[in-house]
N, C-alpha and C. Protein backbone atom coordinates (compact mmCIF):
# COMPACT_ATOMS: atom_id res chain seq x y z
N UNK A 1 -26.63 18.93 -30.37
CA UNK A 1 -26.91 19.41 -29.26
C UNK A 1 -25.77 17.97 -29.11
N UNK A 2 -24.74 17.52 -28.75
CA UNK A 2 -24.44 16.36 -27.88
C UNK A 2 -25.60 15.97 -26.80
N UNK A 3 -25.30 14.64 -27.11
CA UNK A 3 -26.19 13.19 -26.55
C UNK A 3 -25.55 13.31 -24.79
N UNK A 4 -25.88 13.50 -23.93
CA UNK A 4 -25.96 12.59 -22.31
C UNK A 4 -25.18 11.33 -22.61
N UNK A 5 -23.98 11.24 -22.04
CA UNK A 5 -23.28 10.35 -21.75
C UNK A 5 -23.80 8.90 -20.67
N UNK A 6 -24.23 8.49 -20.79
CA UNK A 6 -24.79 7.07 -19.65
C UNK A 6 -23.50 6.18 -19.29
N UNK A 7 -23.24 5.97 -18.03
CA UNK A 7 -22.10 4.76 -17.95
C UNK A 7 -22.39 4.64 -16.96
N UNK A 8 -22.24 2.78 -16.89
CA UNK A 8 -22.20 1.86 -15.95
C UNK A 8 -20.66 1.79 -14.74
N UNK A 9 -20.55 2.11 -13.65
CA UNK A 9 -18.42 2.53 -13.15
C UNK A 9 -18.83 1.22 -12.27
N UNK A 10 -17.56 1.18 -11.66
CA UNK A 10 -17.51 0.35 -10.23
C UNK A 10 -16.18 0.66 -9.46
N UNK A 11 -16.64 1.26 -8.30
CA UNK A 11 -15.23 1.83 -8.28
C UNK A 11 -14.99 0.73 -6.49
N UNK A 12 -13.73 0.53 -6.42
CA UNK A 12 -13.25 -0.53 -5.23
C UNK A 12 -12.54 0.04 -4.23
N UNK A 13 -12.95 -0.01 -3.01
CA UNK A 13 -11.85 0.31 -2.13
C UNK A 13 -10.95 -0.73 -1.36
N UNK A 14 -10.42 -0.63 -0.37
CA UNK A 14 -9.36 -2.09 0.04
C UNK A 14 -8.87 -1.35 1.35
N UNK A 15 -9.31 -2.04 2.59
CA UNK A 15 -8.60 -1.37 4.12
C UNK A 15 -9.28 -2.41 5.04
N UNK A 16 -9.22 -1.25 5.73
CA UNK A 16 -9.93 -2.12 7.12
C UNK A 16 -9.98 -1.37 8.09
N UNK A 17 -11.19 -1.00 9.56
CA UNK A 17 -11.72 -2.57 9.62
C UNK A 17 -12.58 -2.35 8.12
N UNK A 18 -13.47 -3.51 8.08
CA UNK A 18 -14.74 -4.04 8.01
C UNK A 18 -15.69 -2.15 7.21
N UNK A 19 -15.69 -2.00 8.16
CA UNK A 19 -17.05 -0.20 9.10
C UNK A 19 -16.62 0.59 8.28
N UNK A 20 -15.24 0.91 8.47
CA UNK A 20 -14.64 1.73 8.25
C UNK A 20 -14.35 1.84 6.78
N UNK A 21 -14.14 1.05 5.77
CA UNK A 21 -13.86 1.22 4.43
C UNK A 21 -15.06 1.22 3.57
N UNK A 22 -16.54 0.38 3.84
CA UNK A 22 -17.17 0.35 3.77
C UNK A 22 -18.36 2.53 3.69
N UNK A 23 -17.91 2.78 4.91
CA UNK A 23 -18.10 4.59 5.74
C UNK A 23 -17.35 5.24 4.17
N UNK A 24 -15.90 4.96 4.39
CA UNK A 24 -15.43 5.43 3.55
C UNK A 24 -15.59 5.67 1.77
N UNK A 25 -16.18 4.97 1.86
CA UNK A 25 -16.67 4.22 0.23
C UNK A 25 -17.77 5.85 0.14
N UNK A 26 -18.55 5.26 1.89
CA UNK A 26 -20.46 6.03 1.18
C UNK A 26 -19.85 7.82 1.00
N UNK A 27 -19.17 8.01 2.19
CA UNK A 27 -18.74 9.00 2.24
C UNK A 27 -17.94 9.97 0.78
N UNK A 28 -17.23 8.39 -0.07
CA UNK A 28 -16.00 9.27 -1.33
C UNK A 28 -17.10 9.68 -1.84
N UNK A 29 -18.37 8.72 -2.21
CA UNK A 29 -20.08 8.91 -3.17
C UNK A 29 -20.11 10.36 -3.03
N UNK A 30 -20.14 10.31 -1.88
CA UNK A 30 -20.81 11.43 -1.17
C UNK A 30 -20.44 13.07 -1.99
N UNK A 31 -19.40 13.08 -1.43
CA UNK A 31 -17.82 14.47 -2.22
C UNK A 31 -18.39 14.17 -4.37
N UNK A 32 -18.73 12.98 -4.48
CA UNK A 32 -18.48 13.59 -5.65
C UNK A 32 -18.96 13.98 -6.53
N UNK A 33 -20.45 13.44 -5.78
CA UNK A 33 -21.31 13.94 -5.99
C UNK A 33 -22.26 15.56 -6.00
N UNK A 34 -21.30 15.82 -4.47
CA UNK A 34 -21.28 17.11 -4.20
C UNK A 34 -20.34 18.29 -4.62
N UNK A 35 -19.53 17.77 -5.48
CA UNK A 35 -18.52 17.65 -6.39
C UNK A 35 -19.06 17.91 -8.01
N UNK A 36 -20.59 17.98 -8.28
CA UNK A 36 -20.95 17.72 -9.13
C UNK A 36 -21.63 16.56 -10.18
N UNK A 37 -20.79 15.73 -9.85
CA UNK A 37 -20.85 13.95 -10.54
C UNK A 37 -22.60 13.91 -10.72
N UNK A 38 -22.56 13.82 -11.95
CA UNK A 38 -24.19 12.92 -11.74
C UNK A 38 -24.73 11.69 -11.55
N UNK A 39 -25.14 11.36 -10.18
CA UNK A 39 -25.21 10.04 -10.02
C UNK A 39 -26.26 9.78 -9.91
N UNK A 40 -27.09 8.45 -10.96
CA UNK A 40 -28.09 8.18 -11.17
C UNK A 40 -29.01 7.38 -10.48
N UNK A 41 -27.96 6.28 -10.20
CA UNK A 41 -27.79 5.50 -9.10
C UNK A 41 -26.83 4.51 -8.29
N UNK A 42 -26.82 4.11 -6.56
CA UNK A 42 -25.78 3.56 -6.05
C UNK A 42 -26.04 2.42 -5.61
N UNK A 43 -24.91 0.81 -6.30
CA UNK A 43 -25.46 -0.07 -5.42
C UNK A 43 -24.04 -0.49 -4.58
N UNK A 44 -24.79 -0.22 -3.19
CA UNK A 44 -23.05 -1.00 -2.62
C UNK A 44 -22.97 -2.37 -2.27
N UNK A 45 -22.21 -2.59 -2.12
CA UNK A 45 -21.26 -4.21 -1.71
C UNK A 45 -20.91 -4.26 -0.73
N UNK A 46 -21.41 -5.18 0.43
CA UNK A 46 -20.82 -5.33 1.57
C UNK A 46 -19.38 -5.76 2.04
N UNK A 47 -18.52 -5.19 2.68
CA UNK A 47 -17.46 -5.40 2.81
C UNK A 47 -17.07 -7.44 2.48
N UNK A 48 -16.59 -7.41 2.59
CA UNK A 48 -15.69 -9.32 2.07
C UNK A 48 -14.39 -9.24 2.14
N UNK A 49 -13.67 -10.36 3.37
CA UNK A 49 -12.23 -10.04 4.01
C UNK A 49 -11.51 -10.80 2.32
N UNK A 50 -10.38 -10.21 2.57
CA UNK A 50 -9.43 -10.32 1.57
C UNK A 50 -8.34 -10.64 2.18
N UNK A 51 -7.45 -11.34 2.56
CA UNK A 51 -6.37 -11.25 3.45
C UNK A 51 -6.20 -11.03 4.48
N UNK A 52 -6.23 -10.15 5.20
CA UNK A 52 -6.13 -9.76 6.18
C UNK A 52 -7.02 -8.02 6.56
N UNK A 53 -7.05 -7.88 5.44
CA UNK A 53 -8.35 -6.73 5.08
C UNK A 53 -9.68 -6.81 4.32
N UNK A 54 -10.84 -5.73 4.72
CA UNK A 54 -11.35 -6.22 3.22
C UNK A 54 -11.61 -4.90 2.23
N UNK A 55 -12.36 -5.57 1.19
CA UNK A 55 -12.44 -5.00 -0.22
C UNK A 55 -13.99 -4.86 -0.40
N UNK A 56 -14.63 -3.61 -0.92
CA UNK A 56 -16.08 -3.19 -1.08
C UNK A 56 -16.34 -2.90 -2.17
N UNK A 57 -17.20 -2.28 -3.03
CA UNK A 57 -17.86 -1.95 -3.95
C UNK A 57 -18.36 -1.11 -4.21
N UNK A 58 -19.00 0.29 -4.78
CA UNK A 58 -20.26 0.19 -5.34
C UNK A 58 -20.40 0.57 -6.88
N UNK A 59 -21.70 -0.18 -7.41
CA UNK A 59 -21.79 0.57 -8.80
C UNK A 59 -22.66 1.21 -8.83
N UNK A 60 -21.74 2.06 -9.62
CA UNK A 60 -22.34 3.89 -10.11
C UNK A 60 -23.63 3.67 -11.59
N UNK A 61 -24.14 4.04 -11.82
CA UNK A 61 -24.67 4.80 -13.27
C UNK A 61 -25.22 6.25 -12.92
N UNK A 62 -24.21 6.67 -13.71
CA UNK A 62 -23.31 7.85 -14.26
C UNK A 62 -23.96 8.19 -15.42
N UNK A 63 -24.45 10.03 -15.55
CA UNK A 63 -24.36 10.40 -16.47
C UNK A 63 -23.78 11.56 -17.04
N UNK A 64 -23.14 11.90 -17.76
CA UNK A 64 -21.91 12.71 -17.82
C UNK A 64 -22.53 14.24 -18.99
N UNK A 65 -22.01 15.17 -19.10
CA UNK A 65 -21.93 16.27 -20.23
C UNK A 65 -21.69 15.78 -21.96
N UNK A 66 -20.27 15.67 -21.42
CA UNK A 66 -19.32 15.60 -22.57
C UNK A 66 -18.03 14.04 -22.27
N UNK A 67 -17.19 14.07 -23.38
CA UNK A 67 -16.01 13.35 -23.11
C UNK A 67 -15.05 13.60 -21.70
N UNK A 68 -14.82 15.12 -21.91
CA UNK A 68 -13.65 15.10 -21.34
C UNK A 68 -14.24 15.25 -19.16
N UNK A 69 -15.58 15.51 -18.96
CA UNK A 69 -16.30 15.20 -17.80
C UNK A 69 -15.94 13.52 -17.68
N UNK A 70 -16.22 12.38 -18.60
CA UNK A 70 -16.03 11.13 -18.58
C UNK A 70 -14.80 10.56 -18.35
N UNK A 71 -13.58 11.13 -19.11
CA UNK A 71 -12.31 11.01 -18.59
C UNK A 71 -11.79 12.01 -17.81
N UNK A 72 -12.20 12.95 -16.84
CA UNK A 72 -11.98 13.65 -16.03
C UNK A 72 -12.34 12.46 -14.88
N UNK A 73 -13.43 12.06 -14.88
CA UNK A 73 -13.88 11.20 -13.90
C UNK A 73 -13.10 9.50 -13.08
N UNK A 74 -13.02 9.39 -14.53
CA UNK A 74 -12.36 8.24 -14.91
C UNK A 74 -10.45 8.44 -14.07
N UNK A 75 -9.86 9.30 -14.31
CA UNK A 75 -8.53 10.26 -14.04
C UNK A 75 -8.74 9.84 -12.48
N UNK A 76 -9.55 10.86 -11.95
CA UNK A 76 -9.86 11.27 -10.21
C UNK A 76 -10.26 10.34 -9.28
N UNK A 77 -11.43 8.84 -10.07
CA UNK A 77 -11.89 8.28 -9.46
C UNK A 77 -11.13 6.90 -9.56
N UNK A 78 -10.34 7.08 -11.01
CA UNK A 78 -10.09 5.21 -11.07
C UNK A 78 -10.95 4.66 -10.37
N UNK A 79 -12.30 4.10 -11.44
CA UNK A 79 -13.20 3.46 -11.58
C UNK A 79 -12.24 2.08 -11.47
N UNK A 80 -13.02 0.99 -11.35
CA UNK A 80 -11.75 -0.62 -11.89
C UNK A 80 -12.59 -0.98 -13.09
N UNK A 81 -13.64 -0.90 -13.13
CA UNK A 81 -14.70 -1.33 -14.53
C UNK A 81 -15.57 0.27 -14.95
N UNK A 82 -15.80 0.31 -16.19
CA UNK A 82 -16.41 1.01 -16.75
C UNK A 82 -17.04 0.76 -18.18
N UNK A 83 -18.33 1.48 -17.97
CA UNK A 83 -19.06 0.51 -19.07
C UNK A 83 -20.67 1.89 -19.67
N UNK A 84 -19.81 2.22 -21.06
CA UNK A 84 -20.92 2.89 -21.87
C UNK A 84 -21.67 2.45 -22.55
N UNK A 85 -23.07 2.70 -21.68
CA UNK A 85 -24.56 2.45 -21.72
C UNK A 85 -25.45 2.76 -22.90
N UNK A 86 -25.32 4.98 -23.42
CA UNK A 86 -25.27 4.98 -24.57
C UNK A 86 -24.97 6.76 -24.92
N UNK A 87 -24.41 6.95 -25.52
CA UNK A 87 -25.10 6.28 -26.73
C UNK A 87 -23.68 5.71 -27.35
N UNK A 88 -24.22 5.14 -28.63
CA UNK A 88 -24.04 3.53 -29.28
C UNK A 88 -21.81 4.48 -29.30
N UNK A 89 -22.34 5.20 -30.48
CA UNK A 89 -21.41 5.51 -31.09
C UNK A 89 -20.71 7.56 -30.77
N UNK A 90 -19.38 7.39 -29.91
CA UNK A 90 -19.15 8.90 -29.52
C UNK A 90 -18.26 9.30 -30.51
N UNK A 91 -17.81 10.81 -30.80
CA UNK A 91 -17.31 11.47 -31.12
C UNK A 91 -15.76 11.49 -30.84
N UNK A 92 -14.71 11.34 -30.99
CA UNK A 92 -13.83 12.09 -30.04
C UNK A 92 -13.04 12.51 -31.49
N UNK A 93 -12.36 14.18 -31.08
CA UNK A 93 -11.55 14.76 -32.03
C UNK A 93 -9.92 14.02 -31.68
N UNK A 94 -9.22 14.72 -32.21
CA UNK A 94 -7.94 14.72 -32.40
C UNK A 94 -7.16 15.18 -31.31
N UNK A 95 -8.01 16.48 -30.74
CA UNK A 95 -7.32 17.30 -29.77
C UNK A 95 -7.89 16.49 -28.43
N UNK A 96 -9.09 16.22 -28.49
CA UNK A 96 -9.77 15.13 -27.36
C UNK A 96 -8.77 14.37 -26.80
N UNK A 97 -8.48 13.33 -28.16
CA UNK A 97 -7.33 12.32 -27.97
C UNK A 97 -6.16 12.65 -26.97
N UNK A 98 -6.06 13.86 -27.91
CA UNK A 98 -4.47 14.02 -27.32
C UNK A 98 -4.29 14.40 -26.00
N UNK A 99 -5.30 15.26 -25.96
CA UNK A 99 -5.34 15.81 -23.92
C UNK A 99 -5.53 14.63 -22.98
N UNK A 100 -6.26 13.56 -23.53
CA UNK A 100 -6.30 12.24 -23.03
C UNK A 100 -4.97 11.91 -23.03
N UNK A 101 -4.52 11.29 -24.24
CA UNK A 101 -3.51 10.44 -23.65
C UNK A 101 -1.68 10.94 -23.19
N UNK A 102 -2.28 12.88 -23.49
CA UNK A 102 -1.36 13.68 -22.31
C UNK A 102 -1.26 13.23 -21.07
N UNK A 103 -2.71 13.36 -20.90
CA UNK A 103 -3.35 13.44 -19.09
C UNK A 103 -2.72 12.17 -18.96
N UNK A 104 -3.20 10.75 -19.55
CA UNK A 104 -2.71 9.33 -19.02
C UNK A 104 -1.08 9.06 -18.68
N UNK A 105 -0.64 9.73 -19.26
CA UNK A 105 0.50 9.84 -19.39
C UNK A 105 1.12 10.13 -18.72
N UNK A 106 1.03 11.37 -18.08
CA UNK A 106 1.29 12.47 -17.11
C UNK A 106 1.07 11.63 -16.01
N UNK A 107 -0.05 11.06 -15.51
CA UNK A 107 -0.43 10.15 -14.67
C UNK A 107 0.29 9.06 -14.47
N UNK A 108 0.33 8.01 -15.77
CA UNK A 108 1.45 7.42 -15.51
C UNK A 108 2.62 7.55 -14.23
N UNK A 109 3.20 8.82 -15.09
CA UNK A 109 4.25 9.27 -14.80
C UNK A 109 4.48 9.50 -13.06
N UNK A 110 3.74 10.52 -12.59
CA UNK A 110 3.12 10.75 -11.98
C UNK A 110 3.49 9.80 -11.07
N UNK A 111 2.19 8.90 -10.83
CA UNK A 111 2.14 7.43 -10.17
C UNK A 111 4.24 6.69 -10.39
N UNK A 112 4.60 6.86 -11.34
CA UNK A 112 6.03 5.93 -11.28
C UNK A 112 6.90 6.86 -10.71
N UNK A 113 6.57 8.08 -10.64
CA UNK A 113 7.53 8.68 -10.04
C UNK A 113 7.26 8.50 -8.11
N UNK A 114 5.87 8.23 -7.84
CA UNK A 114 5.34 8.22 -6.27
C UNK A 114 6.14 6.27 -6.06
N UNK A 115 6.10 5.52 -6.88
CA UNK A 115 6.79 4.01 -6.54
C UNK A 115 7.55 4.37 -6.32
N UNK A 116 8.65 4.93 -7.13
CA UNK A 116 10.17 5.40 -6.89
C UNK A 116 10.39 6.08 -5.38
N UNK A 117 9.58 6.72 -5.05
CA UNK A 117 10.03 7.27 -4.26
C UNK A 117 9.61 6.47 -2.61
N UNK A 118 8.65 5.88 -3.05
CA UNK A 118 8.42 4.44 -2.02
C UNK A 118 9.26 3.38 -1.60
N UNK A 119 9.49 3.23 -2.94
CA UNK A 119 11.04 1.96 -2.95
C UNK A 119 12.30 2.36 -2.27
N UNK A 120 12.16 4.13 -2.48
CA UNK A 120 14.07 4.34 -1.62
C UNK A 120 13.06 4.55 -0.28
N UNK A 121 12.00 5.23 0.19
CA UNK A 121 12.12 5.11 1.36
C UNK A 121 12.26 4.23 2.23
N UNK A 122 11.01 3.22 1.18
CA UNK A 122 11.54 1.67 2.38
C UNK A 122 12.27 0.90 2.01
N UNK A 123 13.40 1.63 1.72
CA UNK A 123 14.56 1.00 1.74
C UNK A 123 15.64 1.26 2.58
N UNK A 124 14.83 2.61 3.10
CA UNK A 124 15.84 3.46 4.09
C UNK A 124 15.41 3.18 5.18
N UNK A 125 13.86 3.29 5.28
CA UNK A 125 13.23 2.21 6.71
C UNK A 125 13.89 1.21 6.58
N UNK A 126 13.97 0.18 5.70
CA UNK A 126 14.09 -0.96 5.88
C UNK A 126 15.82 -1.58 6.83
N UNK A 127 16.55 -0.71 6.39
CA UNK A 127 18.17 -0.53 6.96
C UNK A 127 17.81 -0.22 7.88
N UNK A 128 16.81 0.95 7.99
CA UNK A 128 17.41 1.44 9.90
C UNK A 128 16.92 0.14 10.55
N UNK A 129 15.54 -0.32 10.38
CA UNK A 129 14.82 -0.70 11.13
C UNK A 129 15.96 -2.29 11.21
N UNK A 130 16.52 -3.12 10.51
CA UNK A 130 17.57 -3.54 10.64
C UNK A 130 18.75 -3.48 11.76
N UNK A 131 19.76 -2.41 11.49
CA UNK A 131 20.64 -1.75 11.81
C UNK A 131 20.13 -1.12 13.42
N UNK A 132 18.95 -1.02 13.91
CA UNK A 132 18.22 -0.98 14.94
C UNK A 132 17.81 -2.07 16.14
N UNK A 133 17.32 -3.17 15.53
CA UNK A 133 17.18 -4.57 15.58
C UNK A 133 18.39 -5.43 16.30
N UNK A 134 19.37 -5.30 15.40
CA UNK A 134 20.92 -5.65 15.20
C UNK A 134 21.26 -5.12 16.34
N UNK A 135 21.10 -3.31 17.15
CA UNK A 135 21.49 -2.85 18.06
C UNK A 135 20.83 -3.24 18.98
N UNK A 136 20.15 -3.75 18.74
CA UNK A 136 19.14 -4.66 20.23
C UNK A 136 19.63 -5.09 20.63
N UNK A 137 19.63 -6.36 19.91
CA UNK A 137 20.43 -7.94 20.13
C UNK A 137 21.91 -7.85 20.79
N UNK A 138 22.03 -7.07 19.92
CA UNK A 138 24.09 -6.40 20.56
C UNK A 138 23.92 -6.37 22.42
N UNK A 139 23.04 -5.09 22.66
CA UNK A 139 22.72 -4.96 23.76
C UNK A 139 21.85 -6.07 24.57
N UNK A 140 21.40 -6.87 24.31
CA UNK A 140 21.66 -7.91 25.19
C UNK A 140 22.22 -8.68 25.27
N UNK A 141 23.43 -9.25 24.07
CA UNK A 141 24.21 -9.88 24.41
C UNK A 141 25.20 -8.83 25.80
N UNK A 142 25.79 -7.65 24.98
CA UNK A 142 26.52 -7.03 26.39
C UNK A 142 25.79 -7.10 27.75
N UNK A 143 24.55 -7.10 27.88
CA UNK A 143 23.89 -7.86 29.26
C UNK A 143 24.70 -8.84 30.17
N UNK A 144 25.01 -10.03 28.81
CA UNK A 144 25.38 -11.20 30.34
C UNK A 144 25.09 -12.52 28.52
N UNK A 145 25.90 -13.30 28.77
CA UNK A 145 25.69 -14.25 27.98
C UNK A 145 23.89 -14.10 27.78
N UNK A 146 23.49 -14.42 26.44
CA UNK A 146 22.15 -15.12 26.10
C UNK A 146 21.93 -16.05 24.47
N UNK A 147 21.06 -16.74 24.93
CA UNK A 147 20.90 -17.91 23.73
C UNK A 147 19.09 -17.15 22.54
N UNK A 148 19.44 -17.86 21.82
CA UNK A 148 18.45 -17.69 21.06
C UNK A 148 16.79 -17.56 21.64
N UNK A 149 15.89 -18.25 22.13
CA UNK A 149 14.88 -18.03 23.42
C UNK A 149 15.68 -17.54 23.40
N UNK A 150 16.24 -17.28 24.59
CA UNK A 150 16.67 -16.06 25.79
C UNK A 150 15.34 -14.61 24.68
N UNK A 151 16.43 -14.22 23.74
CA UNK A 151 16.68 -12.76 23.33
C UNK A 151 15.36 -12.98 22.79
N UNK A 152 15.36 -13.82 21.90
CA UNK A 152 13.40 -13.60 21.68
C UNK A 152 12.35 -13.61 22.82
N UNK A 153 12.30 -14.08 23.84
CA UNK A 153 11.74 -13.06 25.14
C UNK A 153 11.93 -11.56 24.88
N UNK A 154 13.07 -11.13 24.76
CA UNK A 154 13.51 -10.10 24.74
C UNK A 154 12.35 -9.63 23.74
N UNK A 155 12.56 -9.72 22.67
CA UNK A 155 12.71 -8.95 21.18
C UNK A 155 11.20 -9.56 20.65
N UNK A 156 10.24 -10.12 20.71
CA UNK A 156 9.15 -10.79 19.94
C UNK A 156 9.40 -11.57 19.34
N UNK A 157 10.73 -11.79 18.90
CA UNK A 157 10.77 -12.46 17.10
C UNK A 157 10.78 -14.18 17.77
N UNK A 158 10.52 -15.13 16.74
CA UNK A 158 10.79 -16.78 16.97
C UNK A 158 12.62 -17.17 16.82
N UNK A 159 12.70 -17.59 17.74
CA UNK A 159 14.12 -17.28 17.80
C UNK A 159 14.91 -18.21 16.29
N UNK A 160 14.53 -19.17 16.04
CA UNK A 160 14.75 -19.35 15.06
C UNK A 160 15.12 -18.02 13.72
N UNK A 161 14.04 -17.14 13.61
CA UNK A 161 13.65 -16.06 12.95
C UNK A 161 15.43 -14.90 13.89
N UNK A 162 15.77 -15.81 14.88
CA UNK A 162 17.36 -14.12 15.47
C UNK A 162 18.06 -15.10 14.80
N UNK A 163 18.18 -16.67 14.03
CA UNK A 163 20.12 -16.63 14.17
C UNK A 163 20.53 -15.98 13.36
N UNK A 164 20.18 -16.06 12.20
CA UNK A 164 20.61 -15.45 10.89
C UNK A 164 20.97 -13.54 11.41
N UNK A 165 20.13 -13.08 11.86
CA UNK A 165 21.46 -11.84 13.08
C UNK A 165 22.11 -12.20 13.86
N UNK A 166 22.32 -12.85 14.91
CA UNK A 166 23.58 -13.51 15.62
C UNK A 166 23.97 -13.61 14.39
N UNK A 167 24.12 -14.49 14.08
CA UNK A 167 25.34 -15.42 12.92
C UNK A 167 25.95 -14.17 12.49
N UNK A 168 25.51 -13.01 12.26
CA UNK A 168 26.30 -11.85 11.54
C UNK A 168 27.09 -11.69 12.43
N UNK A 169 26.03 -11.06 13.17
CA UNK A 169 27.21 -10.94 14.62
C UNK A 169 28.32 -11.11 14.45
N UNK A 170 28.40 -12.11 14.60
CA UNK A 170 29.33 -13.45 14.75
C UNK A 170 30.75 -13.45 13.70
N UNK A 171 30.37 -13.04 12.70
CA UNK A 171 30.36 -12.61 11.55
C UNK A 171 31.60 -11.71 11.48
N UNK A 172 30.72 -10.52 12.01
CA UNK A 172 31.34 -9.17 12.06
C UNK A 172 31.86 -8.95 13.51
N UNK A 173 32.11 -10.59 14.34
CA UNK A 173 32.86 -10.60 15.63
C UNK A 173 32.70 -9.31 16.55
N UNK A 174 32.00 -9.18 16.43
CA UNK A 174 31.01 -8.17 17.41
C UNK A 174 30.44 -9.58 18.86
N UNK A 175 30.62 -10.49 18.38
CA UNK A 175 30.13 -10.68 19.05
C UNK A 175 30.23 -12.99 18.88
N UNK A 176 30.35 -13.23 19.90
CA UNK A 176 30.94 -15.09 19.82
C UNK A 176 29.50 -15.73 20.75
N UNK A 177 29.82 -16.80 20.16
CA UNK A 177 29.61 -18.17 20.64
C UNK A 177 29.82 -19.37 21.23
N UNK A 178 29.19 -19.06 22.30
CA UNK A 178 29.88 -20.19 22.88
C UNK A 178 28.94 -20.85 23.09
N UNK A 179 28.79 -22.32 23.22
CA UNK A 179 27.71 -23.57 23.42
C UNK A 179 26.71 -23.80 22.42
N UNK A 180 25.48 -23.08 23.55
CA UNK A 180 24.58 -22.00 22.64
C UNK A 180 23.78 -20.48 22.93
N UNK A 181 25.00 -19.85 23.45
CA UNK A 181 24.96 -18.95 24.00
C UNK A 181 25.25 -17.79 23.06
N UNK A 182 25.45 -16.85 23.09
CA UNK A 182 26.16 -16.21 22.32
C UNK A 182 26.55 -14.47 23.31
N UNK A 183 28.38 -14.34 23.32
CA UNK A 183 28.65 -13.53 24.38
C UNK A 183 29.28 -12.59 23.66
N UNK A 184 29.26 -11.35 24.57
CA UNK A 184 29.63 -9.96 23.43
C UNK A 184 31.02 -10.06 23.50
N UNK A 185 32.06 -10.70 22.19
CA UNK A 185 33.85 -10.23 22.18
C UNK A 185 34.10 -9.70 23.38
N UNK A 186 33.69 -8.92 23.62
CA UNK A 186 34.87 -7.66 24.62
C UNK A 186 34.92 -8.27 25.83
N UNK A 187 33.72 -9.02 26.49
CA UNK A 187 33.59 -9.98 27.50
C UNK A 187 34.72 -11.23 27.76
N UNK A 188 34.52 -11.80 26.07
CA UNK A 188 35.37 -12.56 26.11
C UNK A 188 37.08 -12.37 26.48
N UNK A 189 37.48 -11.86 25.60
CA UNK A 189 38.60 -11.26 25.64
C UNK A 189 38.52 -10.76 27.40
N UNK A 190 37.82 -10.15 28.47
CA UNK A 190 38.47 -9.60 29.27
C UNK A 190 38.77 -10.99 30.39
N UNK A 191 37.82 -12.16 30.01
CA UNK A 191 37.58 -13.45 30.49
C UNK A 191 39.43 -14.29 30.36
N UNK A 192 39.65 -14.00 29.53
CA UNK A 192 41.17 -15.18 28.13
C UNK A 192 42.30 -14.16 28.96
């Protein structure tokens, strides 16, 4: 009969607000316990600030019936650290290693595809947001001459950050700069 595998694992989470991320981590541990994970002990770390979010973790002492169950846990829970405490030696058949490597490759390919999809979606969203922002600035200028300070009050973006957008609209001949003000090109034509 195979010995049970004793493991110490750390699962980390990042998010906010602090109380929420701590609650989500506790709920996650309860969920995996209900699914049959043999948790011998759990020690939670209070959330600490990390940039604008919070990070927290739980240290778990676990027991697994076999290597397959341990590997499943690693794939599903993605712990940041796993230490096998007992037994000192494990036997891994070539079939187990083959399955593990195939699962690892599938997970890597799945994550790679997700990253590529998110990048593509992000690119489209960025492009659409920039076009909307440009159109809003163009709309402001159509309402009458405006400088970067005045436009800033309407869009909530610092005047110096607006200048590249205004310069691009000038370059595209959609607007013109007269002194410190930006004027809609059609209005310039109407006045001359």
